[in-house]
Amino acid sequence: GTLAVLRADGTFELLDLASGHRRTIGELNPDDMKDRTTTYAFADFSTVYLVLNRRFQGSYYSINLSSVRVHGLICAFDRATGQERWRKELEQQNLVLDKLDHAPVVMLASRTYKRQDNLRYYILKLVAFDKHTGRQLANLETSSNYWSFRGLRLNLAERFIEFTAYNRRIRLISSQ
């Protein structure tokens, strides 16, 4: 196994638990480290991700998929070379961990409760970034009377990712 270590000086390392070998994977600026409240590190086959969350005022709504809350900085590092691939500042998102190993994109989903007079509903939001470049590939919102996504399907042969909610289906289809 591997353990991710973020030092106080911003050095981001991977520690191989079997051999004890430590390898620097990236460096963060002191400004990146300021005001963080929680830190998460996780990886897929080729990329190591680091999330530095900052304080959030207000309500936070989770989704029904395995995910990590992102409200702050997310950085993606090449797992082999340690080179930083991209970084983004995001607010009130959930990075979906389901299918992360095999999906060609990083998917973020969120829901927001809305109230207008006697009308109450949720806004479901979905954002997708290319794993290697960080380029945004999708950014959409839809209203729903039901509260969250409940399923995720990845079909590499037909080149689509599909999120399902009780009364919605959102399909991201590759254009290439």
C-alpha atoms as a PDB file:
ATOM      1  CA  GLY A   1       0.000   0.000   0.000  1.00  0.00           C
ATOM      2  CA  THR A   2       0.871   3.629  -0.246  1.00  0.00           C
ATOM      3  CA  LEU A   3       0.386   6.468   2.219  1.00  0.00           C
ATOM      4  CA  ALA A   4       0.169  10.109   1.106  1.00  0.00           C
ATOM      5  CA  VAL A   5       1.949  12.639   3.327  1.00  0.00           C
ATOM      6  CA  LEU A   6       1.496  16.418   3.176  1.00  0.00           C
ATOM      7  CA  ARG A   7       4.161  18.182   5.226  1.00  0.00           C
ATOM      8  CA  ALA A   8       3.669  21.567   6.884  1.00  0.00           C
ATOM      9  CA  ASP A   9       6.077  23.160   4.353  1.00  0.00           C
ATOM     10  CA  GLY A  10       3.857  22.030   1.439  1.00  0.00           C
ATOM     11  CA  THR A  11       5.906  19.013   0.354  1.00  0.00           C
ATOM     12  CA  PHE A  12       3.564  16.273  -0.877  1.00  0.00           C
ATOM     13  CA  GLU A  13       5.040  12.774  -0.634  1.00  0.00           C
ATOM     14  CA  LEU A  14       4.068   9.169  -1.213  1.00  0.00           C
ATOM     15  CA  LEU A  15       5.327   6.560   1.246  1.00  0.00           C
ATOM     16  CA  ASP A  16       5.502   2.931   0.093  1.00  0.00           C
ATOM     17  CA  LEU A  17       4.436   1.014   3.203  1.00  0.00           C
ATOM     18  CA  ALA A  18       6.167  -2.232   2.183  1.00  0.00           C
ATOM     19  CA  SER A  19       9.607  -0.780   1.412  1.00  0.00           C
ATOM     20  CA  GLY A  20       9.559   2.418   3.470  1.00  0.00           C
ATOM     21  CA  HIS A  21      10.657   4.368   0.379  1.00  0.00           C
ATOM     22  CA  ARG A  22       9.472   7.994   0.346  1.00  0.00           C
ATOM     23  CA  ARG A  23       9.060   9.935  -2.896  1.00  0.00           C
ATOM     24  CA  THR A  24       8.193  13.614  -3.339  1.00  0.00           C
ATOM     25  CA  ILE A  25       5.253  13.933  -5.708  1.00  0.00           C
ATOM     26  CA  GLY A  26       4.725  17.697  -5.603  1.00  0.00           C
ATOM     27  CA  GLU A  27       5.219  21.004  -3.846  1.00  0.00           C
ATOM     28  CA  LEU A  28       2.510  23.412  -2.719  1.00  0.00           C
ATOM     29  CA  ASN A  29       2.845  27.125  -2.012  1.00  0.00           C
ATOM     30  CA  PRO A  30       2.367  28.405   1.542  1.00  0.00           C
ATOM     31  CA  ASP A  31      -0.727  30.262   0.245  1.00  0.00           C
ATOM     32  CA  ASP A  32      -2.221  26.913  -0.845  1.00  0.00           C
ATOM     33  CA  MET A  33      -1.861  25.626   2.716  1.00  0.00           C
ATOM     34  CA  LYS A  34      -3.419  28.676   4.392  1.00  0.00           C
ATOM     35  CA  ASP A  35      -6.908  28.389   5.907  1.00  0.00           C
ATOM     36  CA  ARG A  36      -7.366  24.716   5.059  1.00  0.00           C
ATOM     37  CA  THR A  37      -9.776  22.774   7.261  1.00  0.00           C
ATOM     38  CA  THR A  38      -9.559  19.251   5.829  1.00  0.00           C
ATOM     39  CA  THR A  39      -7.171  17.502   3.458  1.00  0.00           C
ATOM     40  CA  TYR A  40      -7.809  14.426   1.320  1.00  0.00           C
ATOM     41  CA  ALA A  41      -5.490  12.473  -0.969  1.00  0.00           C
ATOM     42  CA  PHE A  42      -6.529   9.655  -3.302  1.00  0.00           C
ATOM     43  CA  ALA A  43      -5.366   8.165  -6.583  1.00  0.00           C
ATOM     44  CA  ASP A  44      -6.402   6.365  -9.713  1.00  0.00           C
ATOM     45  CA  PHE A  45      -4.054   4.356 -11.944  1.00  0.00           C
ATOM     46  CA  SER A  46      -2.093   7.350 -13.270  1.00  0.00           C
ATOM     47  CA  THR A  47      -2.922  10.381 -11.130  1.00  0.00           C
ATOM     48  CA  VAL A  48      -2.678  11.369  -7.470  1.00  0.00           C
ATOM     49  CA  TYR A  49      -5.233  13.944  -6.340  1.00  0.00           C
ATOM     50  CA  LEU A  50      -4.906  16.281  -3.386  1.00  0.00           C
ATOM     51  CA  VAL A  51      -7.854  18.257  -1.991  1.00  0.00           C
ATOM     52  CA  LEU A  52      -7.330  21.151   0.441  1.00  0.00           C
ATOM     53  CA  ASN A  53     -10.719  22.275   1.703  1.00  0.00           C
ATOM     54  CA  ARG A  54     -11.374  25.599   3.348  1.00  0.00           C
ATOM     55  CA  ARG A  55     -14.125  26.624   5.732  1.00  0.00           C
ATOM     56  CA  PHE A  56     -17.644  26.758   4.344  1.00  0.00           C
ATOM     57  CA  GLN A  57     -20.548  28.750   5.783  1.00  0.00           C
ATOM     58  CA  GLY A  58     -24.024  27.397   5.106  1.00  0.00           C
ATOM     59  CA  SER A  59     -25.616  24.052   4.343  1.00  0.00           C
ATOM     60  CA  TYR A  60     -23.726  21.254   2.697  1.00  0.00           C
ATOM     61  CA  TYR A  61     -25.622  18.543   0.844  1.00  0.00           C
ATOM     62  CA  SER A  62     -24.026  15.194   0.087  1.00  0.00           C
ATOM     63  CA  ILE A  63     -24.891  12.936  -2.835  1.00  0.00           C
ATOM     64  CA  ASN A  64     -25.739   9.219  -2.849  1.00  0.00           C
ATOM     65  CA  LEU A  65     -22.477   8.213  -4.511  1.00  0.00           C
ATOM     66  CA  SER A  66     -19.048   7.562  -2.976  1.00  0.00           C
ATOM     67  CA  SER A  67     -17.463  10.979  -2.997  1.00  0.00           C
ATOM     68  CA  VAL A  68     -15.090  13.440  -1.346  1.00  0.00           C
ATOM     69  CA  ARG A  69     -16.250  16.943  -0.512  1.00  0.00           C
ATOM     70  CA  VAL A  70     -14.369  19.662  -2.394  1.00  0.00           C
ATOM     71  CA  HIS A  71     -14.597  23.276  -1.285  1.00  0.00           C
ATOM     72  CA  GLY A  72     -11.184  24.703  -2.019  1.00  0.00           C
ATOM     73  CA  LEU A  73      -8.151  23.619  -3.992  1.00  0.00           C
ATOM     74  CA  ILE A  74      -7.815  20.344  -5.883  1.00  0.00           C
ATOM     75  CA  CYS A  75      -4.479  19.439  -7.496  1.00  0.00           C
ATOM     76  CA  ALA A  76      -3.737  16.539  -9.834  1.00  0.00           C
ATOM     77  CA  PHE A  77      -0.212  15.087 -10.002  1.00  0.00           C
ATOM     78  CA  ASP A  78       1.194  12.536 -12.448  1.00  0.00           C
ATOM     79  CA  ARG A  79       1.679   9.413 -10.346  1.00  0.00           C
ATOM     80  CA  ALA A  80       4.875   8.351 -12.160  1.00  0.00           C
ATOM     81  CA  THR A  81       6.724  11.670 -12.495  1.00  0.00           C
ATOM     82  CA  GLY A  82       5.213  13.803  -9.713  1.00  0.00           C
ATOM     83  CA  GLN A  83       4.599  16.632 -12.180  1.00  0.00           C
ATOM     84  CA  GLU A  84       1.562  18.751 -11.396  1.00  0.00           C
ATOM     85  CA  ARG A  85      -0.973  18.260 -14.189  1.00  0.00           C
ATOM     86  CA  TRP A  86      -3.556  20.826 -13.135  1.00  0.00           C
ATOM     87  CA  ARG A  87      -5.178  22.627 -10.233  1.00  0.00           C
ATOM     88  CA  LYS A  88      -8.638  24.103  -9.697  1.00  0.00           C
ATOM     89  CA  GLU A  89     -10.415  26.164  -7.051  1.00  0.00           C
ATOM     90  CA  LEU A  90     -13.890  24.677  -6.586  1.00  0.00           C
ATOM     91  CA  GLU A  91     -16.836  25.469  -4.343  1.00  0.00           C
ATOM     92  CA  GLN A  92     -19.450  23.185  -2.805  1.00  0.00           C
ATOM     93  CA  GLN A  93     -18.776  20.106  -4.920  1.00  0.00           C
ATOM     94  CA  ASN A  94     -18.481  16.358  -4.348  1.00  0.00           C
ATOM     95  CA  LEU A  95     -15.772  14.594  -6.323  1.00  0.00           C
ATOM     96  CA  VAL A  96     -17.274  11.255  -7.350  1.00  0.00           C
ATOM     97  CA  LEU A  97     -15.006   8.329  -6.465  1.00  0.00           C
ATOM     98  CA  ASP A  98     -17.197   5.643  -8.080  1.00  0.00           C
ATOM     99  CA  LYS A  99     -15.538   4.524 -11.345  1.00  0.00           C
ATOM    100  CA  LEU A 100     -12.668   7.041 -10.920  1.00  0.00           C
ATOM    101  CA  ASP A 101     -10.035   4.433 -11.829  1.00  0.00           C
ATOM    102  CA  HIS A 102     -11.511   3.765 -15.263  1.00  0.00           C
ATOM    103  CA  ALA A 103     -13.318   6.978 -16.211  1.00  0.00           C
ATOM    104  CA  PRO A 104     -11.453   9.374 -18.536  1.00  0.00           C
ATOM    105  CA  VAL A 105     -12.792  12.345 -16.563  1.00  0.00           C
ATOM    106  CA  VAL A 106     -12.979  13.629 -13.013  1.00  0.00           C
ATOM    107  CA  MET A 107     -16.665  14.033 -12.176  1.00  0.00           C
ATOM    108  CA  LEU A 108     -18.062  16.409  -9.580  1.00  0.00           C
ATOM    109  CA  ALA A 109     -21.683  16.521  -8.518  1.00  0.00           C
ATOM    110  CA  SER A 110     -23.648  18.635  -6.091  1.00  0.00           C
ATOM    111  CA  ARG A 111     -27.160  19.497  -5.083  1.00  0.00           C
ATOM    112  CA  THR A 112     -28.565  22.722  -3.735  1.00  0.00           C
ATOM    113  CA  TYR A 113     -31.906  23.205  -2.042  1.00  0.00           C
ATOM    114  CA  LYS A 114     -33.962  26.070  -3.493  1.00  0.00           C
ATOM    115  CA  ARG A 115     -37.058  27.739  -2.128  1.00  0.00           C
ATOM    116  CA  GLN A 116     -39.122  30.306  -4.012  1.00  0.00           C
ATOM    117  CA  ASP A 117     -42.322  31.225  -2.200  1.00  0.00           C
ATOM    118  CA  ASN A 118     -44.243  27.928  -1.873  1.00  0.00           C
ATOM    119  CA  LEU A 119     -42.083  26.110  -4.415  1.00  0.00           C
ATOM    120  CA  ARG A 120     -39.284  23.909  -3.063  1.00  0.00           C
ATOM    121  CA  TYR A 121     -36.880  21.902  -5.215  1.00  0.00           C
ATOM    122  CA  TYR A 122     -33.258  20.864  -5.702  1.00  0.00           C
ATOM    123  CA  ILE A 123     -30.734  21.902  -8.311  1.00  0.00           C
ATOM    124  CA  LEU A 124     -28.527  18.991  -9.366  1.00  0.00           C
ATOM    125  CA  LYS A 125     -25.193  20.132 -10.794  1.00  0.00           C
ATOM    126  CA  LEU A 126     -22.628  18.089 -12.688  1.00  0.00           C
ATOM    127  CA  VAL A 127     -19.126  19.176 -13.748  1.00  0.00           C
ATOM    128  CA  ALA A 128     -16.533  17.048 -15.583  1.00  0.00           C
ATOM    129  CA  PHE A 129     -12.820  17.731 -16.157  1.00  0.00           C
ATOM    130  CA  ASP A 130     -10.364  15.858 -18.358  1.00  0.00           C
ATOM    131  CA  LYS A 131      -8.133  13.890 -15.979  1.00  0.00           C
ATOM    132  CA  HIS A 132      -4.881  14.722 -17.736  1.00  0.00           C
ATOM    133  CA  THR A 133      -5.337  18.378 -18.715  1.00  0.00           C
ATOM    134  CA  GLY A 134      -7.943  19.651 -16.247  1.00  0.00           C
ATOM    135  CA  ARG A 135      -9.931  21.114 -19.150  1.00  0.00           C
ATOM    136  CA  GLN A 136     -13.604  21.466 -18.300  1.00  0.00           C
ATOM    137  CA  LEU A 137     -15.677  19.192 -20.537  1.00  0.00           C
ATOM    138  CA  ALA A 138     -19.143  19.569 -19.018  1.00  0.00           C
ATOM    139  CA  ASN A 139     -20.953  21.962 -16.695  1.00  0.00           C
ATOM    140  CA  LEU A 140     -24.699  21.560 -16.349  1.00  0.00           C
ATOM    141  CA  GLU A 141     -27.545  22.082 -13.918  1.00  0.00           C
ATOM    142  CA  THR A 142     -31.048  20.655 -13.785  1.00  0.00           C
ATOM    143  CA  SER A 143     -33.907  21.031 -11.329  1.00  0.00           C
ATOM    144  CA  SER A 144     -35.405  18.038  -9.556  1.00  0.00           C
ATOM    145  CA  ASN A 145     -38.125  17.351  -7.019  1.00  0.00           C
ATOM    146  CA  TYR A 146     -36.045  14.467  -5.715  1.00  0.00           C
ATOM    147  CA  TRP A 147     -32.954  14.991  -3.727  1.00  0.00           C
ATOM    148  CA  SER A 148     -29.915  13.376  -5.280  1.00  0.00           C
ATOM    149  CA  PHE A 149     -28.134  11.203  -7.788  1.00  0.00           C
ATOM    150  CA  ARG A 150     -28.511   7.529  -6.967  1.00  0.00           C
ATOM    151  CA  GLY A 151     -26.481   5.706  -9.587  1.00  0.00           C
ATOM    152  CA  LEU A 152     -23.531   5.968 -11.950  1.00  0.00           C
ATOM    153  CA  ARG A 153     -22.884   3.874 -15.031  1.00  0.00           C
ATOM    154  CA  LEU A 154     -19.642   3.957 -17.028  1.00  0.00           C
ATOM    155  CA  ASN A 155     -19.719   2.397 -20.497  1.00  0.00           C
ATOM    156  CA  LEU A 156     -16.290   2.645 -22.144  1.00  0.00           C
ATOM    157  CA  ALA A 157     -17.319   0.635 -25.217  1.00  0.00           C
ATOM    158  CA  GLU A 158     -20.086   3.094 -26.093  1.00  0.00           C
ATOM    159  CA  ARG A 159     -18.140   6.034 -24.612  1.00  0.00           C
ATOM    160  CA  PHE A 160     -20.607   7.442 -22.102  1.00  0.00           C
ATOM    161  CA  ILE A 161     -21.042   8.099 -18.390  1.00  0.00           C
ATOM    162  CA  GLU A 162     -24.572   8.191 -17.028  1.00  0.00           C
ATOM    163  CA  PHE A 163     -25.809   9.626 -13.747  1.00  0.00           C
ATOM    164  CA  THR A 164     -29.269   8.650 -12.596  1.00  0.00           C
ATOM    165  CA  ALA A 165     -31.627  10.266 -10.113  1.00  0.00           C
ATOM    166  CA  TYR A 166     -35.171   9.186  -9.296  1.00  0.00           C
ATOM    167  CA  ASN A 167     -36.711  11.047 -12.229  1.00  0.00           C
ATOM    168  CA  ARG A 168     -33.623  12.086 -14.229  1.00  0.00           C
ATOM    169  CA  ARG A 169     -30.891  10.557 -16.317  1.00  0.00           C
ATOM    170  CA  ILE A 170     -27.879  12.649 -17.293  1.00  0.00           C
ATOM    171  CA  ARG A 171     -25.607  11.117 -19.897  1.00  0.00           C
ATOM    172  CA  LEU A 172     -22.190  12.509 -20.817  1.00  0.00           C
ATOM    173  CA  ILE A 173     -21.204  11.263 -24.260  1.00  0.00           C
ATOM    174  CA  SER A 174     -17.735  11.537 -25.752  1.00  0.00           C
ATOM    175  CA  SER A 175     -17.557  13.674 -28.877  1.00  0.00           C
ATOM    176  CA  GLN A 176     -14.303  12.090 -30.026  1.00  0.00           C
END
